[in-house]
Amino acid sequence: MGPADEGGPLSGDIRITVTRTLSKDQQARRERLIEAARVLALDGGYAAVTMHDVADRAGVARATVYRYFATKDHLLTEVAATWAHRVTADIDALAVGDTATERLTAMLERIVFVAAEELTLTSAIIQAVTSDDSSVDDARTVLFLFVRDRLAAAIGDPLPDRDEVEVVLGHVLLAALVSLASLRRPVEEVASMVRTAGRLVLAGALTTA
């Protein structure tokens, strides 16, 4: 496995960020690459995702992958974003309950259980999202903002210090996924942790109002 397979393009020092508006065909090609990486990560984890294999699975030239994704970690962070959208797509169904705490904890638990069912994929995307690769920065920021938006939608009710609460809960969720994927903690234990953390964070925010 050469440098390009580890995440850099052939020269090893070029970084490409896609900022242009994509055509319909280009968007479809980009989505096909993300899906190819997702399947490879689901089957074999982080090590199984190489730019060469992603290109082969998507049916494109290897150089095409680098037109859309600067590195392997950049690509897998986009896989993480797609995963997050899928898991939280039906926010009304996921965030059930009459109170903000019930809705929030239902959503957090749902994310934990889905992550545990796809643990190989979860491990791969966590490794990419927490990478110090600078090409991940923009995609990671977009992902974290999306997660905050989903947390806000689950809470629903007006809340003091809402921004701070969303940030803390985002870190709780990340810690939960790391516990599953890297520390291999039992899913019931991690689900209990996010449930308790969600309850305590919201209770604390309301107490200080």
N, C-alpha and C. Protein backbone atom coordinates (compact mmCIF):
# COMPACT_ATOMS: atom_id res chain seq x y z
N MET A 1 0.85 -1.20 0.00
CA MET A 1 0.00 0.00 0.00
C MET A 1 0.88 1.24 0.00
N GLY A 2 0.74 2.08 -1.01
CA GLY A 2 1.58 3.25 -1.13
C GLY A 2 0.96 4.46 -0.47
N PRO A 3 1.63 5.63 -0.55
CA PRO A 3 1.14 6.84 0.07
C PRO A 3 -0.24 7.23 -0.40
N ALA A 4 -0.50 7.01 -1.71
CA ALA A 4 -1.82 7.41 -2.21
C ALA A 4 -2.92 6.58 -1.58
N ASP A 5 -2.63 5.29 -1.34
CA ASP A 5 -3.63 4.45 -0.71
C ASP A 5 -3.88 4.85 0.72
N GLU A 6 -2.89 5.45 1.36
CA GLU A 6 -3.06 5.89 2.73
C GLU A 6 -3.86 7.18 2.81
N GLY A 7 -4.03 7.86 1.69
CA GLY A 7 -4.89 9.04 1.75
C GLY A 7 -4.40 10.19 0.90
N GLY A 8 -3.15 10.23 0.47
CA GLY A 8 -2.67 11.33 -0.33
C GLY A 8 -2.68 10.97 -1.80
N PRO A 9 -2.72 11.94 -2.69
CA PRO A 9 -2.64 11.68 -4.11
C PRO A 9 -1.26 11.20 -4.50
N LEU A 10 -1.08 10.94 -5.76
CA LEU A 10 0.14 10.28 -6.21
C LEU A 10 1.39 11.05 -5.84
N SER A 11 1.38 12.35 -5.89
CA SER A 11 2.58 13.12 -5.56
C SER A 11 2.85 13.14 -4.07
N GLY A 12 1.84 12.83 -3.26
CA GLY A 12 2.01 12.77 -1.82
C GLY A 12 1.92 14.09 -1.10
N ASP A 13 1.79 15.21 -1.82
CA ASP A 13 1.77 16.49 -1.12
C ASP A 13 0.74 17.47 -1.67
N ILE A 14 -0.19 16.99 -2.49
CA ILE A 14 -1.23 17.85 -3.04
C ILE A 14 -2.49 17.69 -2.22
N ARG A 15 -3.18 18.76 -1.97
CA ARG A 15 -4.45 18.70 -1.26
C ARG A 15 -5.52 19.37 -2.12
N ILE A 16 -6.60 18.68 -2.35
CA ILE A 16 -7.66 19.16 -3.22
C ILE A 16 -8.93 19.31 -2.40
N THR A 17 -9.57 20.44 -2.48
CA THR A 17 -10.85 20.66 -1.82
C THR A 17 -11.88 21.03 -2.87
N VAL A 18 -13.00 20.29 -2.88
CA VAL A 18 -14.05 20.55 -3.85
C VAL A 18 -14.93 21.68 -3.35
N THR A 19 -14.88 22.81 -4.04
CA THR A 19 -15.70 23.95 -3.64
C THR A 19 -16.65 24.37 -4.76
N ARG A 20 -16.45 23.82 -5.96
CA ARG A 20 -17.28 24.21 -7.09
C ARG A 20 -18.65 23.54 -6.98
N THR A 21 -19.61 24.09 -7.72
CA THR A 21 -20.92 23.48 -7.82
C THR A 21 -20.82 22.30 -8.78
N LEU A 22 -21.31 21.15 -8.35
CA LEU A 22 -21.21 19.95 -9.15
C LEU A 22 -22.41 19.80 -10.07
N SER A 23 -22.16 19.27 -11.26
CA SER A 23 -23.25 18.95 -12.15
C SER A 23 -23.98 17.71 -11.62
N LYS A 24 -25.11 17.41 -12.21
CA LYS A 24 -25.88 16.23 -11.79
C LYS A 24 -25.04 14.97 -11.93
N ASP A 25 -24.33 14.83 -13.02
CA ASP A 25 -23.49 13.64 -13.24
C ASP A 25 -22.34 13.60 -12.23
N GLN A 26 -21.74 14.75 -11.97
CA GLN A 26 -20.64 14.79 -11.02
C GLN A 26 -21.12 14.45 -9.61
N GLN A 27 -22.28 14.96 -9.24
CA GLN A 27 -22.84 14.64 -7.93
C GLN A 27 -23.13 13.15 -7.81
N ALA A 28 -23.65 12.56 -8.87
CA ALA A 28 -23.93 11.12 -8.86
C ALA A 28 -22.64 10.33 -8.74
N ARG A 29 -21.59 10.77 -9.41
CA ARG A 29 -20.29 10.09 -9.33
C ARG A 29 -19.72 10.21 -7.91
N ARG A 30 -19.86 11.39 -7.34
CA ARG A 30 -19.37 11.60 -5.96
C ARG A 30 -20.11 10.70 -4.98
N GLU A 31 -21.41 10.60 -5.13
CA GLU A 31 -22.19 9.74 -4.25
C GLU A 31 -21.84 8.27 -4.44
N ARG A 32 -21.51 7.89 -5.68
CA ARG A 32 -21.11 6.50 -5.95
C ARG A 32 -19.78 6.19 -5.26
N LEU A 33 -18.88 7.14 -5.24
CA LEU A 33 -17.61 6.95 -4.55
C LEU A 33 -17.81 6.82 -3.04
N ILE A 34 -18.69 7.65 -2.48
CA ILE A 34 -18.99 7.57 -1.05
C ILE A 34 -19.60 6.21 -0.70
N GLU A 35 -20.51 5.75 -1.53
CA GLU A 35 -21.14 4.45 -1.29
C GLU A 35 -20.11 3.32 -1.40
N ALA A 36 -19.21 3.41 -2.37
CA ALA A 36 -18.17 2.39 -2.51
C ALA A 36 -17.29 2.34 -1.26
N ALA A 37 -16.92 3.50 -0.76
CA ALA A 37 -16.11 3.55 0.46
C ALA A 37 -16.88 3.01 1.65
N ARG A 38 -18.17 3.32 1.71
CA ARG A 38 -19.00 2.82 2.83
C ARG A 38 -19.03 1.29 2.84
N VAL A 39 -19.25 0.70 1.68
CA VAL A 39 -19.32 -0.76 1.60
C VAL A 39 -17.98 -1.40 1.97
N LEU A 40 -16.90 -0.83 1.48
CA LEU A 40 -15.58 -1.36 1.82
C LEU A 40 -15.32 -1.25 3.32
N ALA A 41 -15.68 -0.13 3.92
CA ALA A 41 -15.48 0.06 5.36
C ALA A 41 -16.38 -0.87 6.16
N LEU A 42 -17.60 -1.06 5.70
CA LEU A 42 -18.54 -1.94 6.39
C LEU A 42 -18.03 -3.38 6.38
N ASP A 43 -17.42 -3.78 5.28
CA ASP A 43 -16.93 -5.16 5.15
C ASP A 43 -15.57 -5.38 5.83
N GLY A 44 -14.68 -4.38 5.71
CA GLY A 44 -13.31 -4.63 6.16
C GLY A 44 -12.71 -3.59 7.07
N GLY A 45 -13.46 -2.55 7.41
CA GLY A 45 -12.95 -1.52 8.30
C GLY A 45 -12.05 -0.51 7.61
N TYR A 46 -11.37 0.26 8.40
CA TYR A 46 -10.56 1.37 7.91
C TYR A 46 -9.49 0.92 6.92
N ALA A 47 -8.80 -0.18 7.25
CA ALA A 47 -7.70 -0.65 6.40
C ALA A 47 -8.17 -1.09 5.03
N ALA A 48 -9.44 -1.50 4.92
CA ALA A 48 -9.95 -1.99 3.65
C ALA A 48 -10.26 -0.88 2.66
N VAL A 49 -10.31 0.35 3.13
CA VAL A 49 -10.65 1.48 2.25
C VAL A 49 -9.36 2.08 1.70
N THR A 50 -9.09 1.80 0.44
CA THR A 50 -8.00 2.47 -0.26
C THR A 50 -8.59 3.21 -1.45
N MET A 51 -7.94 4.25 -1.88
CA MET A 51 -8.45 5.01 -3.01
C MET A 51 -8.52 4.14 -4.26
N HIS A 52 -7.58 3.21 -4.40
CA HIS A 52 -7.56 2.29 -5.54
C HIS A 52 -8.80 1.41 -5.53
N ASP A 53 -9.10 0.81 -4.38
CA ASP A 53 -10.24 -0.09 -4.30
C ASP A 53 -11.57 0.66 -4.40
N VAL A 54 -11.61 1.87 -3.85
CA VAL A 54 -12.82 2.69 -3.99
C VAL A 54 -13.07 2.99 -5.46
N ALA A 55 -12.03 3.36 -6.18
CA ALA A 55 -12.17 3.65 -7.61
C ALA A 55 -12.65 2.42 -8.37
N ASP A 56 -12.05 1.25 -8.09
CA ASP A 56 -12.45 0.03 -8.77
C ASP A 56 -13.91 -0.31 -8.49
N ARG A 57 -14.30 -0.20 -7.23
CA ARG A 57 -15.68 -0.56 -6.87
C ARG A 57 -16.68 0.40 -7.50
N ALA A 58 -16.31 1.67 -7.58
CA ALA A 58 -17.21 2.67 -8.16
C ALA A 58 -17.15 2.69 -9.68
N GLY A 59 -16.18 1.98 -10.27
CA GLY A 59 -16.07 1.93 -11.71
C GLY A 59 -15.54 3.19 -12.34
N VAL A 60 -14.59 3.84 -11.65
CA VAL A 60 -13.99 5.06 -12.19
C VAL A 60 -12.47 4.94 -12.13
N ALA A 61 -11.80 5.84 -12.83
CA ALA A 61 -10.34 5.88 -12.77
C ALA A 61 -9.90 6.35 -11.39
N ARG A 62 -8.75 5.89 -10.98
CA ARG A 62 -8.26 6.26 -9.65
C ARG A 62 -8.12 7.77 -9.50
N ALA A 63 -7.66 8.43 -10.55
CA ALA A 63 -7.48 9.89 -10.48
C ALA A 63 -8.79 10.60 -10.23
N THR A 64 -9.90 9.98 -10.64
CA THR A 64 -11.21 10.59 -10.45
C THR A 64 -11.54 10.76 -8.97
N VAL A 65 -11.12 9.80 -8.15
CA VAL A 65 -11.40 9.87 -6.72
C VAL A 65 -10.83 11.16 -6.14
N TYR A 66 -9.62 11.52 -6.58
CA TYR A 66 -8.94 12.70 -6.03
C TYR A 66 -9.53 14.02 -6.54
N ARG A 67 -10.39 13.95 -7.52
CA ARG A 67 -11.08 15.17 -7.96
C ARG A 67 -12.15 15.57 -6.96
N TYR A 68 -12.57 14.61 -6.15
CA TYR A 68 -13.65 14.85 -5.20
C TYR A 68 -13.20 14.80 -3.74
N PHE A 69 -12.18 14.01 -3.47
CA PHE A 69 -11.74 13.79 -2.09
C PHE A 69 -10.22 13.86 -2.02
N ALA A 70 -9.74 14.72 -1.15
CA ALA A 70 -8.30 14.94 -1.07
C ALA A 70 -7.55 13.74 -0.51
N THR A 71 -8.15 13.06 0.45
CA THR A 71 -7.50 11.94 1.11
C THR A 71 -8.53 10.89 1.48
N LYS A 72 -8.02 9.76 1.90
CA LYS A 72 -8.89 8.69 2.40
C LYS A 72 -9.71 9.16 3.60
N ASP A 73 -9.11 9.88 4.52
CA ASP A 73 -9.83 10.36 5.70
C ASP A 73 -10.91 11.37 5.31
N HIS A 74 -10.63 12.19 4.32
CA HIS A 74 -11.64 13.12 3.80
C HIS A 74 -12.84 12.33 3.27
N LEU A 75 -12.57 11.32 2.47
CA LEU A 75 -13.63 10.49 1.91
C LEU A 75 -14.44 9.81 3.01
N LEU A 76 -13.78 9.23 3.99
CA LEU A 76 -14.49 8.54 5.06
C LEU A 76 -15.27 9.50 5.95
N THR A 77 -14.81 10.73 6.07
CA THR A 77 -15.60 11.72 6.81
C THR A 77 -16.89 12.03 6.08
N GLU A 78 -16.84 12.04 4.76
CA GLU A 78 -18.08 12.21 3.98
C GLU A 78 -18.97 10.97 4.12
N VAL A 79 -18.36 9.81 4.24
CA VAL A 79 -19.14 8.60 4.54
C VAL A 79 -19.84 8.77 5.88
N ALA A 80 -19.12 9.33 6.86
CA ALA A 80 -19.71 9.56 8.19
C ALA A 80 -20.90 10.51 8.09
N ALA A 81 -20.79 11.54 7.26
CA ALA A 81 -21.89 12.48 7.10
C ALA A 81 -23.11 11.80 6.49
N THR A 82 -22.89 10.97 5.48
CA THR A 82 -23.99 10.22 4.87
C THR A 82 -24.64 9.29 5.89
N TRP A 83 -23.81 8.65 6.69
CA TRP A 83 -24.30 7.75 7.75
C TRP A 83 -25.15 8.53 8.75
N ALA A 84 -24.68 9.69 9.16
CA ALA A 84 -25.41 10.51 10.13
C ALA A 84 -26.76 10.95 9.57
N HIS A 85 -26.80 11.32 8.31
CA HIS A 85 -28.06 11.70 7.69
C HIS A 85 -29.03 10.52 7.67
N ARG A 86 -28.52 9.36 7.35
CA ARG A 86 -29.39 8.18 7.27
C ARG A 86 -29.95 7.82 8.64
N VAL A 87 -29.09 7.82 9.65
CA VAL A 87 -29.51 7.38 10.98
C VAL A 87 -30.52 8.33 11.59
N THR A 88 -30.42 9.61 11.25
CA THR A 88 -31.32 10.61 11.86
C THR A 88 -32.33 11.16 10.87
N ALA A 89 -32.56 10.45 9.79
CA ALA A 89 -33.42 10.97 8.72
C ALA A 89 -34.83 11.26 9.20
N ASP A 90 -35.40 10.34 9.96
CA ASP A 90 -36.78 10.53 10.43
C ASP A 90 -36.74 11.00 11.88
N ILE A 91 -36.47 12.27 12.05
CA ILE A 91 -36.27 12.80 13.40
C ILE A 91 -37.54 12.69 14.24
N ASP A 92 -38.70 12.82 13.63
CA ASP A 92 -39.94 12.72 14.39
C ASP A 92 -40.16 11.31 14.93
N ALA A 93 -39.76 10.31 14.14
CA ALA A 93 -39.92 8.93 14.58
C ALA A 93 -38.88 8.55 15.62
N LEU A 94 -37.67 9.10 15.46
CA LEU A 94 -36.59 8.75 16.38
C LEU A 94 -36.73 9.45 17.72
N ALA A 95 -37.04 10.73 17.68
CA ALA A 95 -37.07 11.53 18.90
C ALA A 95 -38.48 11.48 19.51
N VAL A 96 -38.84 10.34 20.05
CA VAL A 96 -40.18 10.16 20.60
C VAL A 96 -40.21 10.59 22.05
N GLY A 97 -41.39 11.01 22.49
CA GLY A 97 -41.54 11.39 23.89
C GLY A 97 -42.18 12.75 24.03
N ASP A 98 -42.70 13.00 25.21
CA ASP A 98 -43.39 14.27 25.48
C ASP A 98 -42.45 15.36 25.96
N THR A 99 -41.28 15.00 26.46
CA THR A 99 -40.35 15.98 27.00
C THR A 99 -39.08 16.04 26.17
N ALA A 100 -38.34 17.14 26.34
CA ALA A 100 -37.07 17.28 25.63
C ALA A 100 -36.11 16.15 25.99
N THR A 101 -36.08 15.77 27.26
CA THR A 101 -35.18 14.70 27.70
C THR A 101 -35.54 13.38 27.05
N GLU A 102 -36.82 13.07 26.98
CA GLU A 102 -37.25 11.81 26.35
C GLU A 102 -36.90 11.79 24.87
N ARG A 103 -37.13 12.91 24.19
CA ARG A 103 -36.84 12.96 22.76
C ARG A 103 -35.34 12.85 22.50
N LEU A 104 -34.56 13.58 23.28
CA LEU A 104 -33.11 13.57 23.10
C LEU A 104 -32.52 12.20 23.37
N THR A 105 -32.87 11.62 24.50
CA THR A 105 -32.28 10.32 24.86
C THR A 105 -32.70 9.23 23.89
N ALA A 106 -33.91 9.33 23.35
CA ALA A 106 -34.35 8.35 22.34
C ALA A 106 -33.46 8.43 21.10
N MET A 107 -33.15 9.65 20.67
CA MET A 107 -32.31 9.80 19.49
C MET A 107 -30.88 9.34 19.76
N LEU A 108 -30.32 9.72 20.90
CA LEU A 108 -28.95 9.31 21.24
C LEU A 108 -28.84 7.80 21.32
N GLU A 109 -29.80 7.17 21.94
CA GLU A 109 -29.78 5.71 22.05
C GLU A 109 -29.89 5.07 20.68
N ARG A 110 -30.73 5.61 19.82
CA ARG A 110 -30.89 5.07 18.47
C ARG A 110 -29.56 5.12 17.72
N ILE A 111 -28.85 6.22 17.81
CA ILE A 111 -27.56 6.34 17.14
C ILE A 111 -26.58 5.30 17.67
N VAL A 112 -26.55 5.11 18.98
CA VAL A 112 -25.65 4.14 19.59
C VAL A 112 -25.96 2.72 19.11
N PHE A 113 -27.22 2.36 19.07
CA PHE A 113 -27.58 1.00 18.66
C PHE A 113 -27.29 0.74 17.19
N VAL A 114 -27.54 1.73 16.34
CA VAL A 114 -27.20 1.55 14.92
C VAL A 114 -25.69 1.45 14.75
N ALA A 115 -24.94 2.28 15.46
CA ALA A 115 -23.48 2.23 15.39
C ALA A 115 -22.97 0.87 15.82
N ALA A 116 -23.57 0.28 16.85
CA ALA A 116 -23.14 -1.02 17.34
C ALA A 116 -23.44 -2.12 16.32
N GLU A 117 -24.53 -1.97 15.58
CA GLU A 117 -24.88 -2.96 14.56
C GLU A 117 -23.91 -2.92 13.38
N GLU A 118 -23.29 -1.76 13.16
CA GLU A 118 -22.36 -1.59 12.04
C GLU A 118 -20.98 -1.19 12.59
N LEU A 119 -20.49 -2.00 13.52
CA LEU A 119 -19.32 -1.60 14.30
C LEU A 119 -18.06 -1.43 13.45
N THR A 120 -17.90 -2.26 12.43
CA THR A 120 -16.72 -2.12 11.57
C THR A 120 -16.74 -0.79 10.83
N LEU A 121 -17.90 -0.42 10.34
CA LEU A 121 -18.05 0.88 9.68
C LEU A 121 -17.86 2.01 10.69
N THR A 122 -18.46 1.88 11.85
CA THR A 122 -18.34 2.91 12.88
C THR A 122 -16.88 3.15 13.23
N SER A 123 -16.13 2.07 13.40
CA SER A 123 -14.71 2.19 13.74
C SER A 123 -13.94 2.94 12.65
N ALA A 124 -14.24 2.64 11.39
CA ALA A 124 -13.55 3.29 10.28
C ALA A 124 -13.84 4.78 10.22
N ILE A 125 -15.11 5.16 10.38
CA ILE A 125 -15.43 6.57 10.25
C ILE A 125 -14.97 7.37 11.47
N ILE A 126 -14.96 6.74 12.64
CA ILE A 126 -14.43 7.43 13.82
C ILE A 126 -12.94 7.69 13.65
N GLN A 127 -12.21 6.72 13.11
CA GLN A 127 -10.77 6.91 12.88
C GLN A 127 -10.52 8.06 11.92
N ALA A 128 -11.37 8.17 10.90
CA ALA A 128 -11.20 9.25 9.92
C ALA A 128 -11.61 10.60 10.50
N VAL A 129 -12.75 10.65 11.16
CA VAL A 129 -13.27 11.92 11.69
C VAL A 129 -12.35 12.51 12.74
N THR A 130 -11.67 11.67 13.50
CA THR A 130 -10.76 12.16 14.54
C THR A 130 -9.32 12.30 14.05
N SER A 131 -9.11 12.17 12.75
CA SER A 131 -7.78 12.29 12.17
C SER A 131 -7.25 13.73 12.28
N ASP A 132 -5.93 13.86 12.32
CA ASP A 132 -5.34 15.20 12.30
C ASP A 132 -5.03 15.65 10.87
N ASP A 133 -5.52 14.93 9.89
CA ASP A 133 -5.38 15.28 8.48
C ASP A 133 -6.15 16.58 8.22
N SER A 134 -5.47 17.60 7.76
CA SER A 134 -6.10 18.90 7.58
C SER A 134 -7.18 18.89 6.50
N SER A 135 -7.14 17.94 5.59
CA SER A 135 -8.15 17.88 4.54
C SER A 135 -9.52 17.49 5.10
N VAL A 136 -9.54 16.98 6.32
CA VAL A 136 -10.79 16.58 6.96
C VAL A 136 -11.52 17.77 7.58
N ASP A 137 -10.81 18.85 7.82
CA ASP A 137 -11.34 19.95 8.65
C ASP A 137 -12.71 20.45 8.19
N ASP A 138 -12.84 20.80 6.92
CA ASP A 138 -14.10 21.38 6.45
C ASP A 138 -15.25 20.37 6.52
N ALA A 139 -14.99 19.15 6.06
CA ALA A 139 -16.04 18.12 6.09
C ALA A 139 -16.43 17.78 7.52
N ARG A 140 -15.46 17.78 8.42
CA ARG A 140 -15.75 17.49 9.83
C ARG A 140 -16.60 18.60 10.44
N THR A 141 -16.30 19.84 10.11
CA THR A 141 -17.09 20.96 10.62
C THR A 141 -18.53 20.87 10.15
N VAL A 142 -18.73 20.56 8.87
CA VAL A 142 -20.08 20.40 8.33
C VAL A 142 -20.80 19.25 9.05
N LEU A 143 -20.10 18.16 9.27
CA LEU A 143 -20.69 17.02 9.97
C LEU A 143 -21.10 17.38 11.38
N PHE A 144 -20.22 18.04 12.11
CA PHE A 144 -20.53 18.39 13.50
C PHE A 144 -21.70 19.38 13.57
N LEU A 145 -21.77 20.32 12.63
CA LEU A 145 -22.89 21.26 12.61
C LEU A 145 -24.20 20.53 12.31
N PHE A 146 -24.14 19.54 11.44
CA PHE A 146 -25.34 18.75 11.16
C PHE A 146 -25.79 18.00 12.41
N VAL A 147 -24.84 17.39 13.13
CA VAL A 147 -25.19 16.67 14.35
C VAL A 147 -25.80 17.61 15.36
N ARG A 148 -25.24 18.81 15.49
CA ARG A 148 -25.82 19.80 16.40
C ARG A 148 -27.26 20.14 16.00
N ASP A 149 -27.49 20.26 14.72
CA ASP A 149 -28.83 20.56 14.24
C ASP A 149 -29.81 19.45 14.60
N ARG A 150 -29.36 18.20 14.48
CA ARG A 150 -30.22 17.06 14.83
C ARG A 150 -30.48 17.02 16.34
N LEU A 151 -29.48 17.34 17.12
CA LEU A 151 -29.67 17.39 18.57
C LEU A 151 -30.67 18.48 18.93
N ALA A 152 -30.55 19.63 18.28
CA ALA A 152 -31.48 20.73 18.54
C ALA A 152 -32.91 20.34 18.16
N ALA A 153 -33.05 19.63 17.04
CA ALA A 153 -34.37 19.20 16.61
C ALA A 153 -34.97 18.22 17.60
N ALA A 154 -34.14 17.35 18.16
CA ALA A 154 -34.64 16.39 19.14
C ALA A 154 -35.07 17.09 20.43
N ILE A 155 -34.28 18.04 20.88
CA ILE A 155 -34.63 18.77 22.11
C ILE A 155 -35.92 19.55 21.90
N GLY A 156 -35.98 20.27 20.79
CA GLY A 156 -37.22 20.95 20.42
C GLY A 156 -37.54 22.16 21.26
N ASP A 157 -37.75 21.98 22.54
CA ASP A 157 -38.18 23.06 23.43
C ASP A 157 -37.11 24.14 23.56
N PRO A 158 -37.52 25.38 23.82
CA PRO A 158 -36.54 26.45 24.11
C PRO A 158 -35.67 26.04 25.29
N LEU A 159 -34.39 26.36 25.21
CA LEU A 159 -33.46 25.92 26.24
C LEU A 159 -32.41 27.00 26.49
N PRO A 160 -32.15 27.34 27.75
CA PRO A 160 -31.08 28.30 28.05
C PRO A 160 -29.73 27.75 27.60
N ASP A 161 -28.85 28.62 27.16
CA ASP A 161 -27.50 28.21 26.75
C ASP A 161 -27.54 27.06 25.75
N ARG A 162 -28.43 27.17 24.80
CA ARG A 162 -28.65 26.07 23.86
C ARG A 162 -27.39 25.68 23.09
N ASP A 163 -26.62 26.67 22.63
CA ASP A 163 -25.40 26.37 21.88
C ASP A 163 -24.44 25.53 22.69
N GLU A 164 -24.23 25.92 23.95
CA GLU A 164 -23.31 25.18 24.81
C GLU A 164 -23.81 23.76 25.06
N VAL A 165 -25.11 23.62 25.23
CA VAL A 165 -25.69 22.29 25.44
C VAL A 165 -25.46 21.40 24.22
N GLU A 166 -25.67 21.96 23.05
CA GLU A 166 -25.48 21.19 21.82
C GLU A 166 -24.02 20.74 21.67
N VAL A 167 -23.09 21.61 21.98
CA VAL A 167 -21.67 21.27 21.89
C VAL A 167 -21.32 20.15 22.86
N VAL A 168 -21.77 20.28 24.09
CA VAL A 168 -21.48 19.25 25.10
C VAL A 168 -22.08 17.91 24.67
N LEU A 169 -23.31 17.93 24.22
CA LEU A 169 -23.96 16.68 23.80
C LEU A 169 -23.26 16.08 22.58
N GLY A 170 -22.77 16.93 21.70
CA GLY A 170 -22.01 16.43 20.56
C GLY A 170 -20.77 15.68 21.00
N HIS A 171 -20.08 16.22 22.00
CA HIS A 171 -18.90 15.54 22.53
C HIS A 171 -19.28 14.25 23.25
N VAL A 172 -20.41 14.26 23.92
CA VAL A 172 -20.89 13.03 24.58
C VAL A 172 -21.13 11.94 23.54
N LEU A 173 -21.77 12.32 22.44
CA LEU A 173 -22.05 11.36 21.38
C LEU A 173 -20.76 10.83 20.76
N LEU A 174 -19.81 11.71 20.51
CA LEU A 174 -18.53 11.27 19.96
C LEU A 174 -17.83 10.31 20.92
N ALA A 175 -17.85 10.63 22.21
CA ALA A 175 -17.24 9.75 23.21
C ALA A 175 -17.94 8.39 23.23
N ALA A 176 -19.24 8.40 23.05
CA ALA A 176 -19.99 7.14 23.03
C ALA A 176 -19.57 6.27 21.85
N LEU A 177 -19.41 6.88 20.68
CA LEU A 177 -19.02 6.12 19.51
C LEU A 177 -17.59 5.61 19.63
N VAL A 178 -16.72 6.41 20.22
CA VAL A 178 -15.35 5.95 20.48
C VAL A 178 -15.37 4.77 21.46
N SER A 179 -16.22 4.85 22.47
CA SER A 179 -16.33 3.76 23.44
C SER A 179 -16.75 2.47 22.77
N LEU A 180 -17.67 2.58 21.82
CA LEU A 180 -18.11 1.40 21.08
C LEU A 180 -17.02 0.87 20.16
N ALA A 181 -16.48 1.78 19.34
CA ALA A 181 -15.62 1.36 18.24
C ALA A 181 -14.19 1.07 18.67
N SER A 182 -13.66 1.86 19.58
CA SER A 182 -12.24 1.72 19.96
C SER A 182 -12.06 0.98 21.27
N LEU A 183 -12.92 1.26 22.24
CA LEU A 183 -12.79 0.62 23.54
C LEU A 183 -13.61 -0.66 23.65
N ARG A 184 -14.47 -0.90 22.67
CA ARG A 184 -15.29 -2.11 22.59
C ARG A 184 -16.14 -2.32 23.84
N ARG A 185 -16.71 -1.24 24.32
CA ARG A 185 -17.60 -1.35 25.47
C ARG A 185 -18.94 -1.91 25.03
N PRO A 186 -19.64 -2.62 25.89
CA PRO A 186 -20.95 -3.21 25.54
C PRO A 186 -21.95 -2.12 25.15
N VAL A 187 -22.77 -2.43 24.18
CA VAL A 187 -23.71 -1.44 23.67
C VAL A 187 -24.68 -0.97 24.74
N GLU A 188 -25.13 -1.87 25.61
CA GLU A 188 -26.07 -1.46 26.66
C GLU A 188 -25.42 -0.47 27.63
N GLU A 189 -24.15 -0.68 27.90
CA GLU A 189 -23.43 0.25 28.78
C GLU A 189 -23.32 1.63 28.14
N VAL A 190 -23.00 1.66 26.86
CA VAL A 190 -22.84 2.94 26.16
C VAL A 190 -24.21 3.63 26.01
N ALA A 191 -25.25 2.86 25.73
CA ALA A 191 -26.58 3.44 25.64
C ALA A 191 -27.00 4.05 26.97
N SER A 192 -26.68 3.37 28.05
CA SER A 192 -26.99 3.89 29.39
C SER A 192 -26.22 5.18 29.65
N MET A 193 -24.98 5.23 29.18
CA MET A 193 -24.15 6.42 29.37
C MET A 193 -24.74 7.63 28.66
N VAL A 194 -25.15 7.46 27.39
CA VAL A 194 -25.69 8.62 26.67
C VAL A 194 -27.05 9.03 27.24
N ARG A 195 -27.80 8.06 27.71
CA ARG A 195 -29.09 8.37 28.32
C ARG A 195 -28.89 9.21 29.58
N THR A 196 -27.95 8.78 30.42
CA THR A 196 -27.67 9.51 31.65
C THR A 196 -27.09 10.88 31.36
N ALA A 197 -26.15 10.94 30.42
CA ALA A 197 -25.52 12.22 30.08
C ALA A 197 -26.54 13.21 29.52
N GLY A 198 -27.41 12.74 28.63
CA GLY A 198 -28.43 13.61 28.07
C GLY A 198 -29.35 14.17 29.14
N ARG A 199 -29.75 13.30 30.05
CA ARG A 199 -30.64 13.74 31.13
C ARG A 199 -29.96 14.77 32.02
N LEU A 200 -28.71 14.51 32.40
CA LEU A 200 -28.00 15.41 33.31
C LEU A 200 -27.67 16.75 32.66
N VAL A 201 -27.28 16.73 31.39
CA VAL A 201 -26.94 17.97 30.68
C VAL A 201 -28.17 18.87 30.58
N LEU A 202 -29.29 18.29 30.19
CA LEU A 202 -30.51 19.10 30.08
C LEU A 202 -30.99 19.59 31.44
N ALA A 203 -30.91 18.74 32.44
CA ALA A 203 -31.32 19.15 33.78
C ALA A 203 -30.44 20.29 34.29
N GLY A 204 -29.15 20.20 34.03
CA GLY A 204 -28.23 21.24 34.45
C GLY A 204 -28.50 22.56 33.76
N ALA A 205 -28.81 22.50 32.46
CA ALA A 205 -29.10 23.71 31.71
C ALA A 205 -30.36 24.39 32.25
N LEU A 206 -31.37 23.61 32.58
CA LEU A 206 -32.61 24.17 33.10
C LEU A 206 -32.45 24.70 34.51
N THR A 207 -31.57 24.07 35.28
CA THR A 207 -31.35 24.51 36.66
C THR A 207 -30.68 25.87 36.72
N THR A 208 -29.77 26.12 35.77
CA THR A 208 -29.01 27.37 35.76
C THR A 208 -29.74 28.50 35.05
N ALA A 209 -30.95 28.21 34.57
CA ALA A 209 -31.69 29.25 33.84
C ALA A 209 -32.03 30.42 34.74
